[in-house]
Amino acid sequence: MFVYSLPLFFEHIHFFSPVDLSIFVIGLLVILIINANYSEKTDYQSSLNHYLFASWSGNIALIWVAIPFFILLNVGLFAADTMAKTGMFTVSMWDDIHLIFFLPIIWWTVSIWRCSTNTHYLILGAFARFLTISVFFEYALKMLIRIDYPRIFFECEELFLDYGNCF
């Protein structure tokens, strides 16, 4: 996450400085830590049989929801961004990949917010919620780059079929 989009955001867009964004991130983390809840429920392994439904309903341990999908999401987004930067993906293919990931991100966000009480450490629940918010911030950055600054992200010289999307 933020491998390609955040450097472009600071270099070309200049909407926030790194210090402003750091203050905002720390403030958001403090708010999420203050609002973190704790659950006394500890029997999560029985619901691993129906993983998708158990995580959607908040009946699974937080680590089993947060870590696997976060790794898969970041690998997929990094691969899509790398292929778009090198000219292997067209702009519309890059859009399609992000659209395909969007519905699972919504599922993951709901699951994280419901399962964030299923941990022994409040800071982990708050950090998992912060990760979901940061994924949506990443998507907003990518949408801004896609709409307003496509020529600084995509290799528009290499794209013959989809050259019109670079303007």
N, C-alpha and C. Protein backbone atom coordinates (compact mmCIF):
# COMPACT_ATOMS: atom_id res chain seq x y z
N MET A 1 0.83 -1.17 0.00
CA MET A 1 0.00 0.00 0.00
C MET A 1 0.89 1.25 0.00
N PHE A 2 0.48 2.21 -0.69
CA PHE A 2 1.13 3.52 -0.76
C PHE A 2 2.53 3.48 -1.37
N VAL A 3 2.89 2.40 -2.06
CA VAL A 3 4.23 2.30 -2.63
C VAL A 3 4.39 3.31 -3.76
N TYR A 4 3.42 3.40 -4.63
CA TYR A 4 3.50 4.31 -5.76
C TYR A 4 2.67 5.58 -5.57
N SER A 5 1.57 5.48 -4.87
CA SER A 5 0.65 6.61 -4.81
C SER A 5 1.10 7.71 -3.85
N LEU A 6 1.63 7.37 -2.70
CA LEU A 6 2.02 8.40 -1.74
C LEU A 6 3.21 9.24 -2.21
N PRO A 7 4.25 8.64 -2.82
CA PRO A 7 5.30 9.50 -3.38
C PRO A 7 4.80 10.44 -4.48
N LEU A 8 3.89 9.96 -5.32
CA LEU A 8 3.30 10.85 -6.33
C LEU A 8 2.47 11.94 -5.70
N PHE A 9 1.80 11.60 -4.61
CA PHE A 9 0.97 12.57 -3.90
C PHE A 9 1.82 13.71 -3.33
N PHE A 10 2.97 13.38 -2.76
CA PHE A 10 3.82 14.41 -2.19
C PHE A 10 4.64 15.15 -3.23
N GLU A 11 5.04 14.49 -4.31
CA GLU A 11 5.89 15.12 -5.32
C GLU A 11 5.11 16.01 -6.29
N HIS A 12 3.95 15.55 -6.73
CA HIS A 12 3.26 16.24 -7.82
C HIS A 12 1.99 16.97 -7.40
N ILE A 13 1.29 16.47 -6.40
CA ILE A 13 0.00 17.03 -6.07
C ILE A 13 0.11 18.13 -5.02
N HIS A 14 0.94 17.96 -4.02
CA HIS A 14 1.22 18.97 -2.98
C HIS A 14 -0.03 19.41 -2.23
N PHE A 15 -0.95 18.48 -1.98
CA PHE A 15 -2.15 18.83 -1.23
C PHE A 15 -1.87 18.84 0.27
N PHE A 16 -1.10 17.89 0.74
CA PHE A 16 -0.64 17.81 2.13
C PHE A 16 0.87 17.69 2.12
N SER A 17 1.49 18.10 3.20
CA SER A 17 2.91 17.82 3.38
C SER A 17 3.02 16.53 4.19
N PRO A 18 4.18 15.90 4.22
CA PRO A 18 4.34 14.70 5.04
C PRO A 18 4.08 14.95 6.52
N VAL A 19 4.40 16.13 7.00
CA VAL A 19 4.16 16.46 8.41
C VAL A 19 2.66 16.56 8.68
N ASP A 20 1.93 17.22 7.79
CA ASP A 20 0.47 17.32 7.95
C ASP A 20 -0.18 15.94 7.96
N LEU A 21 0.24 15.09 7.04
CA LEU A 21 -0.33 13.76 6.98
C LEU A 21 0.04 12.94 8.21
N SER A 22 1.25 13.11 8.73
CA SER A 22 1.65 12.40 9.95
C SER A 22 0.82 12.83 11.15
N ILE A 23 0.56 14.10 11.27
CA ILE A 23 -0.28 14.60 12.37
C ILE A 23 -1.69 14.05 12.24
N PHE A 24 -2.22 14.02 11.02
CA PHE A 24 -3.55 13.47 10.80
C PHE A 24 -3.60 11.98 11.15
N VAL A 25 -2.59 11.23 10.75
CA VAL A 25 -2.55 9.79 11.03
C VAL A 25 -2.45 9.52 12.52
N ILE A 26 -1.62 10.26 13.22
CA ILE A 26 -1.49 10.08 14.68
C ILE A 26 -2.80 10.43 15.38
N GLY A 27 -3.44 11.50 14.96
CA GLY A 27 -4.73 11.87 15.54
C GLY A 27 -5.79 10.82 15.29
N LEU A 28 -5.82 10.27 14.09
CA LEU A 28 -6.78 9.22 13.77
C LEU A 28 -6.52 7.96 14.59
N LEU A 29 -5.26 7.61 14.77
CA LEU A 29 -4.93 6.45 15.61
C LEU A 29 -5.34 6.66 17.05
N VAL A 30 -5.14 7.85 17.57
CA VAL A 30 -5.55 8.15 18.95
C VAL A 30 -7.06 8.03 19.10
N ILE A 31 -7.80 8.54 18.14
CA ILE A 31 -9.26 8.43 18.19
C ILE A 31 -9.70 6.97 18.14
N LEU A 32 -9.06 6.19 17.28
CA LEU A 32 -9.43 4.77 17.17
C LEU A 32 -9.05 3.98 18.42
N ILE A 33 -7.95 4.33 19.05
CA ILE A 33 -7.56 3.66 20.29
C ILE A 33 -8.53 4.01 21.42
N ILE A 34 -8.95 5.24 21.48
CA ILE A 34 -9.90 5.65 22.51
C ILE A 34 -11.24 4.92 22.33
N ASN A 35 -11.65 4.71 21.08
CA ASN A 35 -12.94 4.07 20.81
C ASN A 35 -12.87 2.55 20.74
N ALA A 36 -11.71 1.96 21.00
CA ALA A 36 -11.57 0.51 20.89
C ALA A 36 -12.36 -0.18 22.00
N ASN A 37 -12.94 -1.32 21.64
CA ASN A 37 -13.72 -2.12 22.58
C ASN A 37 -13.02 -3.45 22.83
N TYR A 38 -13.44 -4.12 23.88
CA TYR A 38 -12.87 -5.40 24.23
C TYR A 38 -13.99 -6.39 24.45
N SER A 39 -13.81 -7.61 23.97
CA SER A 39 -14.82 -8.65 24.13
C SER A 39 -14.28 -9.75 25.03
N GLU A 40 -15.14 -10.33 25.83
CA GLU A 40 -14.74 -11.43 26.71
C GLU A 40 -14.79 -12.78 26.00
N LYS A 41 -15.34 -12.83 24.81
CA LYS A 41 -15.48 -14.08 24.08
C LYS A 41 -14.11 -14.57 23.63
N THR A 42 -13.81 -15.86 23.87
CA THR A 42 -12.50 -16.39 23.50
C THR A 42 -12.58 -17.62 22.61
N ASP A 43 -13.74 -18.20 22.35
CA ASP A 43 -13.87 -19.41 21.54
C ASP A 43 -14.13 -19.01 20.08
N TYR A 44 -13.03 -18.83 19.35
CA TYR A 44 -13.14 -18.42 17.96
C TYR A 44 -12.84 -19.55 16.99
N GLN A 45 -12.14 -20.58 17.42
CA GLN A 45 -11.69 -21.62 16.51
C GLN A 45 -12.84 -22.47 15.97
N SER A 46 -13.94 -22.58 16.70
CA SER A 46 -15.06 -23.38 16.23
C SER A 46 -15.71 -22.79 14.99
N SER A 47 -15.56 -21.51 14.77
CA SER A 47 -16.21 -20.88 13.63
C SER A 47 -15.30 -20.78 12.41
N LEU A 48 -14.14 -21.41 12.42
CA LEU A 48 -13.28 -21.42 11.24
C LEU A 48 -13.82 -22.31 10.13
N ASN A 49 -14.82 -23.14 10.43
CA ASN A 49 -15.41 -23.99 9.41
C ASN A 49 -16.13 -23.17 8.35
N HIS A 50 -16.78 -22.13 8.73
CA HIS A 50 -17.48 -21.23 7.81
C HIS A 50 -16.83 -19.86 7.89
N TYR A 51 -15.65 -19.77 7.31
CA TYR A 51 -14.78 -18.61 7.49
C TYR A 51 -15.42 -17.31 7.03
N LEU A 52 -15.96 -17.27 5.83
CA LEU A 52 -16.50 -16.03 5.29
C LEU A 52 -17.68 -15.52 6.10
N PHE A 53 -18.60 -16.42 6.44
CA PHE A 53 -19.75 -15.99 7.23
C PHE A 53 -19.35 -15.65 8.66
N ALA A 54 -18.45 -16.43 9.23
CA ALA A 54 -18.02 -16.16 10.62
C ALA A 54 -17.29 -14.83 10.72
N SER A 55 -16.48 -14.51 9.74
CA SER A 55 -15.78 -13.22 9.79
C SER A 55 -16.74 -12.07 9.51
N TRP A 56 -17.69 -12.27 8.60
CA TRP A 56 -18.67 -11.22 8.32
C TRP A 56 -19.51 -10.91 9.55
N SER A 57 -19.87 -11.93 10.31
CA SER A 57 -20.71 -11.72 11.48
C SER A 57 -19.92 -11.38 12.74
N GLY A 58 -18.60 -11.38 12.67
CA GLY A 58 -17.78 -10.98 13.81
C GLY A 58 -17.52 -12.08 14.81
N ASN A 59 -17.56 -13.33 14.38
CA ASN A 59 -17.38 -14.46 15.28
C ASN A 59 -16.06 -15.18 15.09
N ILE A 60 -15.04 -14.47 14.70
CA ILE A 60 -13.73 -15.07 14.47
C ILE A 60 -12.67 -14.14 15.04
N ALA A 61 -11.54 -14.68 15.37
CA ALA A 61 -10.46 -13.86 15.92
C ALA A 61 -9.98 -12.84 14.89
N LEU A 62 -9.60 -11.69 15.35
CA LEU A 62 -9.22 -10.59 14.47
C LEU A 62 -8.04 -10.95 13.58
N ILE A 63 -7.09 -11.65 14.10
CA ILE A 63 -5.89 -11.96 13.32
C ILE A 63 -6.21 -12.82 12.11
N TRP A 64 -7.23 -13.67 12.19
CA TRP A 64 -7.61 -14.53 11.07
C TRP A 64 -8.37 -13.77 9.99
N VAL A 65 -8.81 -12.58 10.30
CA VAL A 65 -9.50 -11.75 9.30
C VAL A 65 -8.54 -10.73 8.73
N ALA A 66 -7.75 -10.11 9.57
CA ALA A 66 -6.94 -8.97 9.15
C ALA A 66 -5.73 -9.38 8.31
N ILE A 67 -4.96 -10.30 8.78
CA ILE A 67 -3.68 -10.61 8.16
C ILE A 67 -3.81 -11.25 6.77
N PRO A 68 -4.59 -12.33 6.59
CA PRO A 68 -4.60 -12.96 5.26
C PRO A 68 -5.10 -12.04 4.15
N PHE A 69 -6.19 -11.35 4.38
CA PHE A 69 -6.71 -10.50 3.32
C PHE A 69 -5.81 -9.29 3.08
N PHE A 70 -5.22 -8.75 4.14
CA PHE A 70 -4.33 -7.60 3.97
C PHE A 70 -3.12 -7.97 3.12
N ILE A 71 -2.59 -9.15 3.32
CA ILE A 71 -1.44 -9.59 2.51
C ILE A 71 -1.87 -9.80 1.06
N LEU A 72 -2.99 -10.49 0.85
CA LEU A 72 -3.46 -10.71 -0.52
C LEU A 72 -3.80 -9.40 -1.24
N LEU A 73 -4.42 -8.49 -0.53
CA LEU A 73 -4.77 -7.20 -1.12
C LEU A 73 -3.52 -6.43 -1.52
N ASN A 74 -2.55 -6.37 -0.65
CA ASN A 74 -1.35 -5.60 -0.96
C ASN A 74 -0.54 -6.23 -2.08
N VAL A 75 -0.47 -7.54 -2.13
CA VAL A 75 0.23 -8.20 -3.23
C VAL A 75 -0.48 -7.91 -4.55
N GLY A 76 -1.81 -7.99 -4.54
CA GLY A 76 -2.57 -7.71 -5.76
C GLY A 76 -2.45 -6.27 -6.22
N LEU A 77 -2.56 -5.33 -5.28
CA LEU A 77 -2.44 -3.91 -5.65
C LEU A 77 -1.03 -3.56 -6.11
N PHE A 78 -0.03 -4.12 -5.45
CA PHE A 78 1.35 -3.85 -5.85
C PHE A 78 1.62 -4.42 -7.24
N ALA A 79 1.12 -5.62 -7.51
CA ALA A 79 1.32 -6.21 -8.83
C ALA A 79 0.61 -5.39 -9.91
N ALA A 80 -0.61 -4.96 -9.63
CA ALA A 80 -1.34 -4.16 -10.62
C ALA A 80 -0.66 -2.82 -10.86
N ASP A 81 -0.19 -2.18 -9.81
CA ASP A 81 0.49 -0.89 -9.97
C ASP A 81 1.82 -1.05 -10.69
N THR A 82 2.56 -2.10 -10.37
CA THR A 82 3.84 -2.32 -11.03
C THR A 82 3.65 -2.59 -12.52
N MET A 83 2.65 -3.40 -12.84
CA MET A 83 2.40 -3.68 -14.26
C MET A 83 1.90 -2.45 -15.00
N ALA A 84 1.15 -1.60 -14.32
CA ALA A 84 0.70 -0.36 -14.96
C ALA A 84 1.86 0.61 -15.14
N LYS A 85 2.76 0.67 -14.17
CA LYS A 85 3.91 1.57 -14.30
C LYS A 85 4.86 1.14 -15.41
N THR A 86 4.97 -0.16 -15.64
CA THR A 86 5.88 -0.64 -16.67
C THR A 86 5.23 -0.72 -18.05
N GLY A 87 3.93 -0.44 -18.13
CA GLY A 87 3.26 -0.45 -19.41
C GLY A 87 2.67 -1.79 -19.80
N MET A 88 2.69 -2.76 -18.90
CA MET A 88 2.12 -4.07 -19.20
C MET A 88 0.59 -4.08 -19.09
N PHE A 89 0.04 -3.18 -18.27
CA PHE A 89 -1.40 -3.02 -18.13
C PHE A 89 -1.81 -1.71 -18.78
N THR A 90 -2.95 -1.72 -19.44
CA THR A 90 -3.50 -0.48 -19.93
C THR A 90 -4.22 0.21 -18.78
N VAL A 91 -4.64 1.41 -19.00
CA VAL A 91 -5.33 2.18 -17.97
C VAL A 91 -6.65 1.52 -17.61
N SER A 92 -7.37 1.04 -18.60
CA SER A 92 -8.65 0.40 -18.31
C SER A 92 -8.47 -0.94 -17.61
N MET A 93 -7.40 -1.66 -17.88
CA MET A 93 -7.12 -2.91 -17.15
C MET A 93 -6.81 -2.59 -15.69
N TRP A 94 -6.09 -1.51 -15.46
CA TRP A 94 -5.77 -1.10 -14.09
C TRP A 94 -7.05 -0.72 -13.35
N ASP A 95 -7.96 -0.04 -14.04
CA ASP A 95 -9.26 0.28 -13.46
C ASP A 95 -10.04 -0.98 -13.11
N ASP A 96 -10.02 -1.95 -14.02
CA ASP A 96 -10.74 -3.20 -13.78
C ASP A 96 -10.21 -3.95 -12.57
N ILE A 97 -8.91 -3.99 -12.41
CA ILE A 97 -8.32 -4.68 -11.25
C ILE A 97 -8.76 -4.01 -9.96
N HIS A 98 -8.75 -2.71 -9.92
CA HIS A 98 -9.16 -2.00 -8.71
C HIS A 98 -10.66 -2.14 -8.46
N LEU A 99 -11.44 -2.22 -9.50
CA LEU A 99 -12.87 -2.46 -9.34
C LEU A 99 -13.13 -3.88 -8.82
N ILE A 100 -12.37 -4.85 -9.29
CA ILE A 100 -12.51 -6.22 -8.81
C ILE A 100 -12.16 -6.31 -7.33
N PHE A 101 -11.17 -5.58 -6.88
CA PHE A 101 -10.77 -5.61 -5.47
C PHE A 101 -11.73 -4.83 -4.57
N PHE A 102 -12.55 -3.96 -5.12
CA PHE A 102 -13.35 -3.07 -4.28
C PHE A 102 -14.40 -3.80 -3.46
N LEU A 103 -15.12 -4.74 -4.03
CA LEU A 103 -16.15 -5.45 -3.27
C LEU A 103 -15.54 -6.30 -2.15
N PRO A 104 -14.45 -7.04 -2.37
CA PRO A 104 -13.82 -7.73 -1.23
C PRO A 104 -13.30 -6.77 -0.17
N ILE A 105 -12.91 -5.57 -0.56
CA ILE A 105 -12.46 -4.60 0.44
C ILE A 105 -13.62 -4.18 1.33
N ILE A 106 -14.79 -4.05 0.76
CA ILE A 106 -15.96 -3.72 1.58
C ILE A 106 -16.26 -4.86 2.55
N TRP A 107 -16.20 -6.10 2.06
CA TRP A 107 -16.40 -7.26 2.94
C TRP A 107 -15.37 -7.25 4.06
N TRP A 108 -14.11 -6.99 3.69
CA TRP A 108 -13.03 -7.01 4.66
C TRP A 108 -13.20 -5.89 5.68
N THR A 109 -13.65 -4.73 5.25
CA THR A 109 -13.85 -3.62 6.18
C THR A 109 -14.93 -3.94 7.20
N VAL A 110 -16.04 -4.47 6.74
CA VAL A 110 -17.11 -4.83 7.67
C VAL A 110 -16.63 -5.93 8.62
N SER A 111 -15.91 -6.89 8.10
CA SER A 111 -15.40 -7.97 8.95
C SER A 111 -14.41 -7.46 9.99
N ILE A 112 -13.53 -6.57 9.59
CA ILE A 112 -12.56 -6.01 10.54
C ILE A 112 -13.27 -5.22 11.63
N TRP A 113 -14.22 -4.40 11.27
CA TRP A 113 -14.90 -3.58 12.28
C TRP A 113 -15.71 -4.45 13.22
N ARG A 114 -16.28 -5.54 12.72
CA ARG A 114 -17.04 -6.42 13.61
C ARG A 114 -16.14 -7.32 14.45
N CYS A 115 -15.00 -7.74 13.91
CA CYS A 115 -14.10 -8.64 14.62
C CYS A 115 -13.04 -7.89 15.44
N SER A 116 -13.00 -6.58 15.38
CA SER A 116 -11.94 -5.85 16.08
C SER A 116 -12.05 -5.95 17.60
N THR A 117 -13.18 -6.38 18.10
CA THR A 117 -13.29 -6.60 19.55
C THR A 117 -12.79 -7.97 19.94
N ASN A 118 -12.52 -8.83 18.97
CA ASN A 118 -12.10 -10.20 19.25
C ASN A 118 -10.59 -10.32 19.33
N THR A 119 -9.99 -9.51 20.14
CA THR A 119 -8.55 -9.57 20.37
C THR A 119 -8.27 -9.25 21.83
N HIS A 120 -7.12 -9.67 22.29
CA HIS A 120 -6.77 -9.43 23.69
C HIS A 120 -6.13 -8.05 23.89
N TYR A 121 -5.71 -7.42 22.82
CA TYR A 121 -5.05 -6.12 22.90
C TYR A 121 -5.89 -5.08 22.16
N LEU A 122 -6.26 -4.04 22.84
CA LEU A 122 -7.08 -3.00 22.23
C LEU A 122 -6.35 -2.30 21.09
N ILE A 123 -5.04 -2.19 21.21
CA ILE A 123 -4.27 -1.49 20.18
C ILE A 123 -4.33 -2.23 18.85
N LEU A 124 -4.42 -3.56 18.88
CA LEU A 124 -4.51 -4.32 17.63
C LEU A 124 -5.84 -4.09 16.94
N GLY A 125 -6.92 -4.00 17.70
CA GLY A 125 -8.21 -3.69 17.11
C GLY A 125 -8.23 -2.31 16.48
N ALA A 126 -7.64 -1.36 17.18
CA ALA A 126 -7.59 0.00 16.64
C ALA A 126 -6.70 0.07 15.40
N PHE A 127 -5.59 -0.65 15.42
CA PHE A 127 -4.70 -0.65 14.26
C PHE A 127 -5.34 -1.34 13.06
N ALA A 128 -6.09 -2.40 13.30
CA ALA A 128 -6.79 -3.07 12.19
C ALA A 128 -7.83 -2.14 11.58
N ARG A 129 -8.55 -1.41 12.41
CA ARG A 129 -9.50 -0.44 11.88
C ARG A 129 -8.80 0.66 11.11
N PHE A 130 -7.64 1.08 11.60
CA PHE A 130 -6.85 2.08 10.89
C PHE A 130 -6.42 1.57 9.51
N LEU A 131 -6.07 0.29 9.43
CA LEU A 131 -5.69 -0.26 8.13
C LEU A 131 -6.84 -0.21 7.13
N THR A 132 -8.05 -0.45 7.60
CA THR A 132 -9.19 -0.38 6.68
C THR A 132 -9.41 1.05 6.20
N ILE A 133 -9.24 2.00 7.08
CA ILE A 133 -9.39 3.41 6.67
C ILE A 133 -8.28 3.78 5.69
N SER A 134 -7.07 3.28 5.93
CA SER A 134 -5.97 3.61 5.03
C SER A 134 -6.14 2.98 3.65
N VAL A 135 -6.82 1.84 3.56
CA VAL A 135 -7.10 1.24 2.25
C VAL A 135 -8.03 2.17 1.45
N PHE A 136 -9.02 2.73 2.10
CA PHE A 136 -9.91 3.66 1.40
C PHE A 136 -9.20 4.96 1.04
N PHE A 137 -8.25 5.40 1.86
CA PHE A 137 -7.45 6.56 1.51
C PHE A 137 -6.57 6.25 0.31
N GLU A 138 -6.03 5.04 0.26
CA GLU A 138 -5.23 4.62 -0.89
C GLU A 138 -6.08 4.62 -2.16
N TYR A 139 -7.30 4.12 -2.05
CA TYR A 139 -8.19 4.12 -3.21
C TYR A 139 -8.54 5.55 -3.63
N ALA A 140 -8.72 6.44 -2.69
CA ALA A 140 -9.00 7.84 -3.04
C ALA A 140 -7.80 8.47 -3.74
N LEU A 141 -6.59 8.16 -3.26
CA LEU A 141 -5.39 8.67 -3.93
C LEU A 141 -5.28 8.12 -5.35
N LYS A 142 -5.55 6.85 -5.50
CA LYS A 142 -5.46 6.26 -6.84
C LYS A 142 -6.52 6.82 -7.77
N MET A 143 -7.70 7.11 -7.24
CA MET A 143 -8.73 7.71 -8.08
C MET A 143 -8.32 9.13 -8.49
N LEU A 144 -7.73 9.87 -7.57
CA LEU A 144 -7.24 11.21 -7.89
C LEU A 144 -6.15 11.16 -8.95
N ILE A 145 -5.22 10.24 -8.79
CA ILE A 145 -4.16 10.09 -9.78
C ILE A 145 -4.73 9.64 -11.12
N ARG A 146 -5.68 8.74 -11.10
CA ARG A 146 -6.27 8.23 -12.34
C ARG A 146 -7.04 9.31 -13.09
N ILE A 147 -7.76 10.16 -12.37
CA ILE A 147 -8.60 11.16 -13.02
C ILE A 147 -7.80 12.41 -13.40
N ASP A 148 -7.01 12.92 -12.46
CA ASP A 148 -6.35 14.21 -12.69
C ASP A 148 -4.91 14.11 -13.16
N TYR A 149 -4.19 13.04 -12.81
CA TYR A 149 -2.76 12.96 -13.12
C TYR A 149 -2.38 11.62 -13.75
N PRO A 150 -3.04 11.18 -14.80
CA PRO A 150 -2.70 9.86 -15.33
C PRO A 150 -1.35 9.82 -16.04
N ARG A 151 -0.89 10.93 -16.56
CA ARG A 151 0.37 10.93 -17.31
C ARG A 151 1.59 10.78 -16.40
N ILE A 152 1.46 11.07 -15.13
CA ILE A 152 2.61 10.89 -14.24
C ILE A 152 2.67 9.48 -13.67
N PHE A 153 1.60 8.71 -13.80
CA PHE A 153 1.60 7.35 -13.26
C PHE A 153 1.75 6.30 -14.35
N PHE A 154 1.02 6.44 -15.43
CA PHE A 154 1.01 5.42 -16.47
C PHE A 154 2.06 5.73 -17.52
N GLU A 155 2.57 4.69 -18.13
CA GLU A 155 3.50 4.83 -19.25
C GLU A 155 2.66 5.07 -20.51
N CYS A 156 2.28 6.29 -20.72
CA CYS A 156 1.35 6.61 -21.81
C CYS A 156 2.00 6.46 -23.18
N GLU A 157 3.31 6.47 -23.25
CA GLU A 157 3.97 6.28 -24.53
C GLU A 157 3.88 4.84 -25.00
N GLU A 158 3.73 3.92 -24.05
CA GLU A 158 3.67 2.50 -24.38
C GLU A 158 2.26 2.03 -24.71
N LEU A 159 1.26 2.80 -24.35
CA LEU A 159 -0.13 2.36 -24.50
C LEU A 159 -0.69 2.83 -25.83
N PHE A 160 -0.74 1.94 -26.80
CA PHE A 160 -1.27 2.32 -28.10
C PHE A 160 -2.79 2.20 -28.14
N LEU A 161 -3.33 1.16 -27.53
CA LEU A 161 -4.77 0.93 -27.60
C LEU A 161 -5.56 1.84 -26.67
N ASP A 162 -4.96 2.25 -25.58
CA ASP A 162 -5.68 2.99 -24.55
C ASP A 162 -5.07 4.36 -24.33
N TYR A 163 -4.55 4.95 -25.38
CA TYR A 163 -3.86 6.23 -25.24
C TYR A 163 -4.78 7.36 -24.84
N GLY A 164 -6.06 7.29 -25.18
CA GLY A 164 -7.01 8.34 -24.86
C GLY A 164 -7.25 8.50 -23.37
N ASN A 165 -7.00 7.47 -22.57
CA ASN A 165 -7.20 7.57 -21.12
C ASN A 165 -6.08 8.32 -20.43
N CYS A 166 -5.03 8.66 -21.11
CA CYS A 166 -3.91 9.35 -20.51
C CYS A 166 -4.08 10.86 -20.54
N PHE A 167 -5.18 11.35 -21.03
CA PHE A 167 -5.38 12.80 -21.09
C PHE A 167 -6.40 13.25 -20.09
